[in-house]
Amino acid sequence: MCLAVPMLVERIDGEMAQVRLGDVTRDIAMTLAPEAKVGDYVLVHAGFAIEVVDREYAEETLRLLEQLEGPVYQ
């Protein structure tokens, strides 16, 4: 099973971006979601943004994930 996690785009530099989830930041590739902008939520899987999602969807998904096993990133 694969899991993509919504993360907030904080900075974009060419085809790479810095994204955040809570206190965790990651550098990811944006080649699969080039339309994403700073401030957007993207689904992140295996180091790639694979889709832009709206804020409501992202926040609800993160709430549900936290209910399953605690914080998404520990």
C-alpha atoms as a PDB file:
ATOM      1  CA  MET A   1       0.000   0.000   0.000  1.00  0.00           C
ATOM      2  CA  CYS A   2       1.227   3.483  -0.832  1.00  0.00           C
ATOM      3  CA  LEU A   3       0.525   6.578   1.198  1.00  0.00           C
ATOM      4  CA  ALA A   4       0.766  10.174   0.037  1.00  0.00           C
ATOM      5  CA  VAL A   5       0.766  12.819   2.761  1.00  0.00           C
ATOM      6  CA  PRO A   6      -0.453  16.414   2.335  1.00  0.00           C
ATOM      7  CA  MET A   7       2.319  18.923   2.986  1.00  0.00           C
ATOM      8  CA  LEU A   8       2.448  22.717   2.729  1.00  0.00           C
ATOM      9  CA  VAL A   9       4.717  24.226   0.061  1.00  0.00           C
ATOM     10  CA  GLU A  10       6.965  26.830   1.708  1.00  0.00           C
ATOM     11  CA  ARG A  11       9.528  27.525  -1.006  1.00  0.00           C
ATOM     12  CA  ILE A  12      10.036  26.589  -4.646  1.00  0.00           C
ATOM     13  CA  ASP A  13      13.391  26.657  -6.389  1.00  0.00           C
ATOM     14  CA  GLY A  14      13.129  25.434  -9.958  1.00  0.00           C
ATOM     15  CA  GLU A  15      11.902  21.842  -9.938  1.00  0.00           C
ATOM     16  CA  MET A  16      12.503  21.409  -6.190  1.00  0.00           C
ATOM     17  CA  ALA A  17      10.505  22.665  -3.223  1.00  0.00           C
ATOM     18  CA  GLN A  18      10.654  22.758   0.543  1.00  0.00           C
ATOM     19  CA  VAL A  19       7.468  21.469   2.160  1.00  0.00           C
ATOM     20  CA  ARG A  20       6.337  21.339   5.779  1.00  0.00           C
ATOM     21  CA  LEU A  21       4.187  19.127   7.955  1.00  0.00           C
ATOM     22  CA  GLY A  22       4.205  20.264  11.557  1.00  0.00           C
ATOM     23  CA  ASP A  23       7.839  20.654  12.635  1.00  0.00           C
ATOM     24  CA  VAL A  24       9.160  18.537   9.764  1.00  0.00           C
ATOM     25  CA  THR A  25      10.448  19.984   6.488  1.00  0.00           C
ATOM     26  CA  ARG A  26      11.467  18.037   3.411  1.00  0.00           C
ATOM     27  CA  ASP A  27      12.946  18.871   0.032  1.00  0.00           C
ATOM     28  CA  ILE A  28      10.882  17.284  -2.728  1.00  0.00           C
ATOM     29  CA  ALA A  29      10.707  17.220  -6.515  1.00  0.00           C
ATOM     30  CA  MET A  30       7.896  19.212  -8.150  1.00  0.00           C
ATOM     31  CA  THR A  31       8.153  17.697 -11.628  1.00  0.00           C
ATOM     32  CA  LEU A  32       4.818  15.851 -11.302  1.00  0.00           C
ATOM     33  CA  ALA A  33       2.927  18.905  -9.982  1.00  0.00           C
ATOM     34  CA  PRO A  34       4.526  21.917 -11.694  1.00  0.00           C
ATOM     35  CA  GLU A  35       1.368  24.015 -11.180  1.00  0.00           C
ATOM     36  CA  ALA A  36       1.885  24.111  -7.383  1.00  0.00           C
ATOM     37  CA  LYS A  37       2.654  27.461  -5.798  1.00  0.00           C
ATOM     38  CA  VAL A  38       3.987  28.574  -2.413  1.00  0.00           C
ATOM     39  CA  GLY A  39       1.128  28.262   0.071  1.00  0.00           C
ATOM     40  CA  ASP A  40      -0.471  25.288  -1.708  1.00  0.00           C
ATOM     41  CA  TYR A  41      -0.853  21.851  -0.174  1.00  0.00           C
ATOM     42  CA  VAL A  42       0.519  18.989  -2.241  1.00  0.00           C
ATOM     43  CA  LEU A  43       0.293  15.243  -1.794  1.00  0.00           C
ATOM     44  CA  VAL A  44       3.837  13.973  -1.248  1.00  0.00           C
ATOM     45  CA  HIS A  45       4.875  10.423  -2.052  1.00  0.00           C
ATOM     46  CA  ALA A  46       8.408   9.051  -2.330  1.00  0.00           C
ATOM     47  CA  GLY A  47       9.956  12.523  -2.481  1.00  0.00           C
ATOM     48  CA  PHE A  48       7.628  13.869  -5.167  1.00  0.00           C
ATOM     49  CA  ALA A  49       4.661  16.229  -5.100  1.00  0.00           C
ATOM     50  CA  ILE A  50       2.108  14.214  -7.054  1.00  0.00           C
ATOM     51  CA  GLU A  51      -0.967  16.467  -6.879  1.00  0.00           C
ATOM     52  CA  VAL A  52      -2.126  19.842  -5.594  1.00  0.00           C
ATOM     53  CA  VAL A  53      -5.002  19.543  -3.096  1.00  0.00           C
ATOM     54  CA  ASP A  54      -7.175  22.155  -1.436  1.00  0.00           C
ATOM     55  CA  ARG A  55      -6.549  23.256   2.151  1.00  0.00           C
ATOM     56  CA  GLU A  56      -9.764  21.728   3.501  1.00  0.00           C
ATOM     57  CA  TYR A  57      -8.938  18.303   2.068  1.00  0.00           C
ATOM     58  CA  ALA A  58      -5.356  18.480   3.370  1.00  0.00           C
ATOM     59  CA  GLU A  59      -6.365  19.492   6.889  1.00  0.00           C
ATOM     60  CA  GLU A  60      -9.088  16.835   7.129  1.00  0.00           C
ATOM     61  CA  THR A  61      -6.698  14.146   5.869  1.00  0.00           C
ATOM     62  CA  LEU A  62      -4.074  15.134   8.439  1.00  0.00           C
ATOM     63  CA  ARG A  63      -6.685  15.074  11.247  1.00  0.00           C
ATOM     64  CA  LEU A  64      -7.716  11.566  10.231  1.00  0.00           C
ATOM     65  CA  LEU A  65      -4.115  10.337  10.052  1.00  0.00           C
ATOM     66  CA  GLU A  66      -3.394  11.669  13.534  1.00  0.00           C
ATOM     67  CA  GLN A  67      -6.385   9.774  14.911  1.00  0.00           C
ATOM     68  CA  LEU A  68      -4.985   6.499  13.549  1.00  0.00           C
ATOM     69  CA  GLU A  69      -1.562   6.446  15.167  1.00  0.00           C
ATOM     70  CA  GLY A  70      -0.767   9.814  16.710  1.00  0.00           C
ATOM     71  CA  PRO A  71       1.360  12.444  14.923  1.00  0.00           C
ATOM     72  CA  VAL A  72       2.050  11.707  11.268  1.00  0.00           C
ATOM     73  CA  TYR A  73       5.777  12.367  11.752  1.00  0.00           C
ATOM     74  CA  GLN A  74       7.384  11.484  15.047  1.00  0.00           C
END
